């Protein structure tokens, strides 16, 4: 099983499970809460068919990765991503994140060497700042997140039932866009995650990414459902074009949070078009600079 060691807890290695398939320019897929890397199946298939190398991994605490009780913050998540990129030896990468994964993409571009990244894609974006504060009135009330944590403590399984219903907007989109078996598969993955991680990650949703967003200097695409009940469009994606020069926003009408599964006919063409437009762009610029 392919693993990369990213730390230790009480003398035991903390390891991330990853998969690395195909050839060509690398695309790194970073999953959302509470799923794992397998959740990208509808995008991975298309990327491989179009000649990309696809690398995906399970975040610490989820899927087949280690389940420590430490490191549930975006500095650590991003350091984990950096360790993976070093381990597989890739540069000139496209970073593609969904939901929580958009946080790793944003912070990586802001805090690490962005010349390693040719472009960034955010699906169901969590930046710029989800929490309502005096200087962020567009955010969501803290009580919402306190209630989520209380629900997880009271009955994690019941919480995931309600969460995934809103994750897919089941009342409106089932069974045409989210079937019973697909929903059940997501539930199985969610309840198999670390109980500690599923609770601890809620606080990470309140990370203030405004300074990170201001440092984004690579071509960026945001794809977000207008009916997202988890990360509301008005509080997240709609704000980003004014904060990042040249950012492209694709709003998926009536799309729920997990648009990658429910609206692949919108998401995949937009993703492939964007990657095609920016493939090799930064590498070419670097070669020109060296030649000069």
Protein backbone atom coordinates (compact mmCIF):
# COMPACT_ATOMS: atom_id res chain seq x y z
CA UNK A 1 0.00 0.00 0.00
CA UNK A 2 1.57 3.36 -1.01
CA UNK A 3 2.19 5.49 2.07
CA UNK A 4 4.16 8.59 2.95
CA UNK A 5 5.22 9.33 6.53
CA UNK A 6 4.36 12.88 7.62
CA UNK A 7 5.03 12.77 11.36
CA UNK A 8 4.64 10.68 14.49
CA UNK A 9 2.43 10.37 17.53
CA UNK A 10 3.75 8.61 20.63
CA UNK A 11 6.41 6.85 18.59
CA UNK A 12 4.01 5.64 15.89
CA UNK A 13 4.38 6.97 12.35
CA UNK A 14 1.59 9.13 10.93
CA UNK A 15 1.20 8.00 7.32
CA UNK A 16 -0.91 9.20 4.41
CA UNK A 17 -2.32 6.74 1.92
CA UNK A 18 -2.06 7.91 -1.69
CA UNK A 19 -2.53 6.68 -5.23
CA UNK A 20 -0.51 7.81 -8.26
CA UNK A 21 -1.76 6.88 -11.73
CA UNK A 22 -1.14 7.83 -15.34
CA UNK A 23 1.47 10.06 -16.90
CA UNK A 24 1.70 13.57 -18.26
CA UNK A 25 1.27 16.73 -16.25
CA UNK A 26 0.41 15.97 -12.62
CA UNK A 27 -2.93 16.84 -11.08
CA UNK A 28 -3.19 16.46 -7.30
CA UNK A 29 -6.71 15.87 -5.95
CA UNK A 30 -7.47 16.80 -2.31
CA UNK A 31 -10.78 15.48 -0.99
CA UNK A 32 -13.42 17.04 1.21
CA UNK A 33 -14.84 16.23 4.63
CA UNK A 34 -15.87 13.53 5.55
CA UNK A 35 -14.84 11.48 2.51
CA UNK A 36 -11.55 10.16 1.11
CA UNK A 37 -9.63 10.15 -2.16
CA UNK A 38 -12.01 7.68 -3.77
CA UNK A 39 -14.62 10.45 -3.87
CA UNK A 40 -12.87 11.84 -6.97
CA UNK A 41 -13.83 8.86 -9.15
CA UNK A 42 -15.93 10.88 -11.60
CA UNK A 43 -13.06 13.35 -12.13
CA UNK A 44 -10.14 10.91 -12.01
CA UNK A 45 -11.55 8.85 -14.86
CA UNK A 46 -11.79 11.89 -17.13
CA UNK A 47 -8.39 13.25 -16.17
CA UNK A 48 -6.66 9.94 -16.93
CA UNK A 49 -8.50 9.65 -20.23
CA UNK A 50 -7.20 13.10 -21.18
CA UNK A 51 -3.57 12.26 -20.51
CA UNK A 52 -2.98 13.64 -17.02
CA UNK A 53 -1.09 12.01 -14.17
CA UNK A 54 -3.48 11.85 -11.23
CA UNK A 55 -2.29 11.81 -7.61
CA UNK A 56 -4.85 11.62 -4.82
CA UNK A 57 -4.55 10.94 -1.13
CA UNK A 58 -6.53 10.53 2.07
CA UNK A 59 -6.19 13.37 4.59
CA UNK A 60 -4.92 12.38 8.03
CA UNK A 61 -7.80 10.97 10.05
CA UNK A 62 -9.74 9.82 7.00
CA UNK A 63 -9.84 6.88 4.63
CA UNK A 64 -6.82 4.60 4.73
CA UNK A 65 -4.47 7.18 6.25
CA UNK A 66 -3.38 7.13 9.88
CA UNK A 67 -5.85 8.42 12.44
CA UNK A 68 -3.83 10.42 14.97
CA UNK A 69 -5.32 12.82 17.50
CA UNK A 70 -2.92 15.61 16.52
CA UNK A 71 -2.43 17.89 13.54
CA UNK A 72 -5.96 18.95 12.68
CA UNK A 73 -5.18 22.46 11.48
CA UNK A 74 -4.41 23.90 8.06
CA UNK A 75 -0.73 24.49 8.68
CA UNK A 76 -0.34 20.77 9.35
CA UNK A 77 -2.65 19.69 6.54
CA UNK A 78 -0.63 21.81 4.13
CA UNK A 79 2.67 20.47 5.44
CA UNK A 80 1.26 16.98 4.82
CA UNK A 81 0.52 17.96 1.22
CA UNK A 82 4.03 19.34 0.82
CA UNK A 83 5.54 16.11 2.15
CA UNK A 84 3.49 14.13 -0.37
CA UNK A 85 4.61 16.30 -3.29
CA UNK A 86 8.23 15.85 -2.23
CA UNK A 87 7.73 12.11 -1.82
CA UNK A 88 6.32 11.59 -5.31
CA UNK A 89 8.75 14.12 -6.77
CA UNK A 90 6.41 16.33 -8.77
CA UNK A 91 6.58 19.97 -9.82
CA UNK A 92 4.47 22.06 -12.19
CA UNK A 93 1.35 20.62 -10.56
CA UNK A 94 -2.30 21.51 -10.76
CA UNK A 95 -3.76 21.49 -7.26
CA UNK A 96 -7.45 20.62 -7.20
CA UNK A 97 -9.30 20.72 -3.90
CA UNK A 98 -12.89 20.05 -2.88
CA UNK A 99 -14.48 21.56 0.23
CA UNK A 100 -11.89 21.23 3.04
CA UNK A 101 -9.34 20.48 0.32
CA UNK A 102 -9.70 24.02 -1.00
CA UNK A 103 -8.07 25.16 2.23
CA UNK A 104 -4.92 23.13 1.56
CA UNK A 105 -4.76 24.47 -2.00
CA UNK A 106 -5.14 28.07 -0.88
CA UNK A 107 -2.62 27.87 1.95
CA UNK A 108 -0.11 25.92 -0.12
CA UNK A 109 -0.04 28.54 -2.86
CA UNK A 110 0.24 31.30 -0.25
CA UNK A 111 2.90 29.82 2.03
CA UNK A 112 5.01 27.51 -0.12
CA UNK A 113 6.84 28.02 -3.41
CA UNK A 114 4.01 28.81 -5.81
CA UNK A 115 6.36 28.29 -8.77
CA UNK A 116 5.77 24.59 -8.11
CA UNK A 117 2.06 25.11 -8.87
CA UNK A 118 0.87 25.91 -12.38
CA UNK A 119 -2.78 26.42 -11.45
CA UNK A 120 -5.34 25.92 -8.70
CA UNK A 121 -8.92 24.67 -8.76
CA UNK A 122 -11.37 25.03 -5.88
CA UNK A 123 -14.62 23.02 -5.90
CA UNK A 124 -17.05 23.97 -3.17
CA UNK A 125 -14.67 26.59 -1.78
CA UNK A 126 -14.20 27.25 1.93
CA UNK A 127 -12.15 30.51 1.53
CA UNK A 128 -12.05 33.38 2.13
CA UNK A 129 -13.43 33.23 5.72
CA UNK A 130 -16.51 31.31 6.80
CA UNK A 131 -17.05 32.73 10.29
CA UNK A 132 -19.18 35.84 10.79
CA UNK A 133 -17.22 38.53 12.66
CA UNK A 134 -17.39 42.31 12.88
CA UNK A 135 -15.07 42.61 9.88
CA UNK A 136 -16.60 39.64 8.06
CA UNK A 137 -20.39 40.18 8.13
CA UNK A 138 -20.88 37.84 5.14
CA UNK A 139 -19.88 34.84 7.25
CA UNK A 140 -21.87 32.23 9.16
CA UNK A 141 -22.80 32.56 12.85
CA UNK A 142 -20.49 30.70 15.26
CA UNK A 143 -23.49 29.01 16.87
CA UNK A 144 -23.92 26.95 13.70
CA UNK A 145 -20.51 25.38 14.20
CA UNK A 146 -21.00 24.94 17.95
CA UNK A 147 -24.22 23.07 17.18
CA UNK A 148 -22.40 20.84 14.69
CA UNK A 149 -19.81 19.88 17.30
CA UNK A 150 -22.54 19.17 19.83
CA UNK A 151 -24.35 16.97 17.31
CA UNK A 152 -21.17 15.00 16.62
CA UNK A 153 -20.62 14.41 20.32
CA UNK A 154 -24.25 13.41 20.89
CA UNK A 155 -24.52 10.97 17.97
CA UNK A 156 -21.90 11.06 15.23
CA UNK A 157 -23.85 8.63 13.07
CA UNK A 158 -27.07 10.62 13.17
CA UNK A 159 -25.08 13.76 12.43
CA UNK A 160 -23.60 12.23 9.28
CA UNK A 161 -27.06 11.19 8.10
CA UNK A 162 -28.25 14.80 8.27
CA UNK A 163 -24.96 16.19 6.95
CA UNK A 164 -24.90 13.98 3.87
CA UNK A 165 -28.54 14.71 3.10
CA UNK A 166 -27.53 18.38 2.82
CA UNK A 167 -24.19 17.50 1.20
CA UNK A 168 -26.16 16.14 -1.78
CA UNK A 169 -29.46 18.08 -1.38
CA UNK A 170 -31.14 14.68 -1.31
CA UNK A 171 -34.65 16.10 -0.95
CA UNK A 172 -34.30 17.81 -4.35
CA UNK A 173 -31.76 15.73 -6.30
CA UNK A 174 -32.46 12.09 -5.37
CA UNK A 175 -32.61 9.71 -7.08
CA UNK A 176 -31.70 11.36 -10.41
CA UNK A 177 -28.38 12.88 -9.32
CA UNK A 178 -27.64 11.02 -6.10
CA UNK A 179 -28.73 7.40 -5.84
CA UNK A 180 -29.40 5.52 -2.63
CA UNK A 181 -26.32 3.32 -3.02
CA UNK A 182 -24.00 6.27 -3.75
CA UNK A 183 -25.32 8.09 -0.68
CA UNK A 184 -24.82 4.94 1.41
CA UNK A 185 -21.25 4.59 0.14
CA UNK A 186 -20.50 8.14 1.33
CA UNK A 187 -22.08 7.36 4.70
CA UNK A 188 -19.92 4.26 5.07
CA UNK A 189 -16.76 6.26 4.38
CA UNK A 190 -17.82 9.05 6.75
CA UNK A 191 -18.52 6.81 9.72
CA UNK A 192 -15.25 4.95 9.07
CA UNK A 193 -13.26 8.13 9.62
CA UNK A 194 -11.59 8.88 12.94
CA UNK A 195 -14.15 10.04 15.52
CA UNK A 196 -11.56 12.51 16.80
CA UNK A 197 -10.87 13.88 13.32
CA UNK A 198 -14.52 14.33 12.44
CA UNK A 199 -14.94 16.49 15.55
CA UNK A 200 -11.62 18.35 15.42
CA UNK A 201 -11.98 19.32 11.76
CA UNK A 202 -15.05 21.46 12.46
CA UNK A 203 -12.86 24.15 14.02
CA UNK A 204 -10.68 24.22 10.90
CA UNK A 205 -13.67 25.37 8.88
CA UNK A 206 -13.36 28.69 10.72
CA UNK A 207 -9.82 29.33 9.45
CA UNK A 208 -9.35 32.87 8.17
CA UNK A 209 -7.89 32.52 4.67
CA UNK A 210 -8.11 36.19 3.72
CA UNK A 211 -4.36 36.77 3.91
CA UNK A 212 -3.72 33.54 2.00
CA UNK A 213 -6.20 34.48 -0.72
CA UNK A 214 -4.44 37.82 -1.17
CA UNK A 215 -1.21 35.94 -2.02
CA UNK A 216 -2.64 33.69 -4.74
CA UNK A 217 -0.55 34.31 -7.85
CA UNK A 218 -1.45 31.35 -10.08
CA UNK A 219 -4.38 30.91 -12.48
CA UNK A 220 -7.36 29.90 -10.35
CA UNK A 221 -10.73 28.35 -11.11
CA UNK A 222 -13.61 28.12 -8.64
CA UNK A 223 -16.60 25.84 -9.27
CA UNK A 224 -19.40 26.07 -6.73
CA UNK A 225 -23.05 25.10 -6.48
CA UNK A 226 -25.52 27.95 -6.02
CA UNK A 227 -27.63 25.74 -3.72
CA UNK A 228 -24.72 24.65 -1.51
CA UNK A 229 -26.07 24.09 2.02
CA UNK A 230 -22.70 23.26 3.58
CA UNK A 231 -20.58 26.18 2.34
CA UNK A 232 -23.10 28.78 1.17
CA UNK A 233 -22.27 30.29 -2.23
CA UNK A 234 -22.84 33.89 -1.04
CA UNK A 235 -20.42 33.51 1.88
CA UNK A 236 -17.66 31.78 -0.06
CA UNK A 237 -17.26 31.46 -3.82
CA UNK A 238 -19.19 34.56 -4.81
CA UNK A 239 -16.71 36.72 -2.88
CA UNK A 240 -13.54 35.31 -4.42
CA UNK A 241 -13.47 37.02 -7.87
CA UNK A 242 -13.10 40.38 -6.14
CA UNK A 243 -10.18 39.07 -4.08
CA UNK A 244 -8.07 37.19 -6.66
CA UNK A 245 -7.01 38.80 -9.94
CA UNK A 246 -8.20 36.86 -12.96
CA UNK A 247 -10.03 34.21 -10.95
CA UNK A 248 -12.62 32.31 -12.98
CA UNK A 249 -15.90 31.40 -11.30
CA UNK A 250 -18.28 28.74 -12.58
CA UNK A 251 -21.56 28.79 -10.67
CA UNK A 252 -23.44 25.50 -10.96
CA UNK A 253 -27.13 26.35 -10.91
CA UNK A 254 -29.00 24.37 -8.25
CA UNK A 255 -25.79 22.54 -7.46
CA UNK A 256 -25.36 21.14 -3.93
CA UNK A 257 -22.09 20.94 -2.06
CA UNK A 258 -20.75 17.84 -3.79
CA UNK A 259 -21.08 19.05 -7.36
CA UNK A 260 -18.32 16.69 -8.49
CA UNK A 261 -20.64 13.74 -8.08
CA UNK A 262 -24.01 15.33 -8.81
CA UNK A 263 -23.10 17.62 -11.75
CA UNK A 264 -20.11 16.00 -13.50
CA UNK A 265 -21.43 17.17 -16.87
CA UNK A 266 -20.74 20.75 -15.71
CA UNK A 267 -17.71 20.21 -13.48
CA UNK A 268 -15.61 17.96 -15.72
CA UNK A 269 -15.70 20.06 -18.90
CA UNK A 270 -14.94 23.22 -16.91
CA UNK A 271 -12.04 21.48 -15.14
CA UNK A 272 -10.57 20.01 -18.33
CA UNK A 273 -10.92 23.29 -20.22
CA UNK A 274 -9.14 25.22 -17.48
CA UNK A 275 -6.33 22.67 -17.15
CA UNK A 276 -5.90 22.61 -20.92
CA UNK A 277 -5.63 26.38 -21.10
CA UNK A 278 -2.96 26.50 -18.41
CA UNK A 279 -1.07 23.26 -19.07
CA UNK A 280 2.66 23.90 -19.09
CA UNK A 281 2.20 27.65 -18.86
CA UNK A 282 4.42 28.21 -15.83
CA UNK A 283 7.03 25.71 -17.06
CA UNK A 284 7.19 27.53 -20.38
CA UNK A 285 7.60 30.87 -18.65
CA UNK A 286 10.41 29.43 -16.52
CA UNK A 287 12.20 28.06 -19.59
CA UNK A 288 11.96 31.41 -21.30
CA UNK A 289 13.46 33.13 -18.28
CA UNK A 290 16.37 30.69 -18.22
CA UNK A 291 16.98 31.21 -21.93
CA UNK A 292 17.10 34.98 -21.40
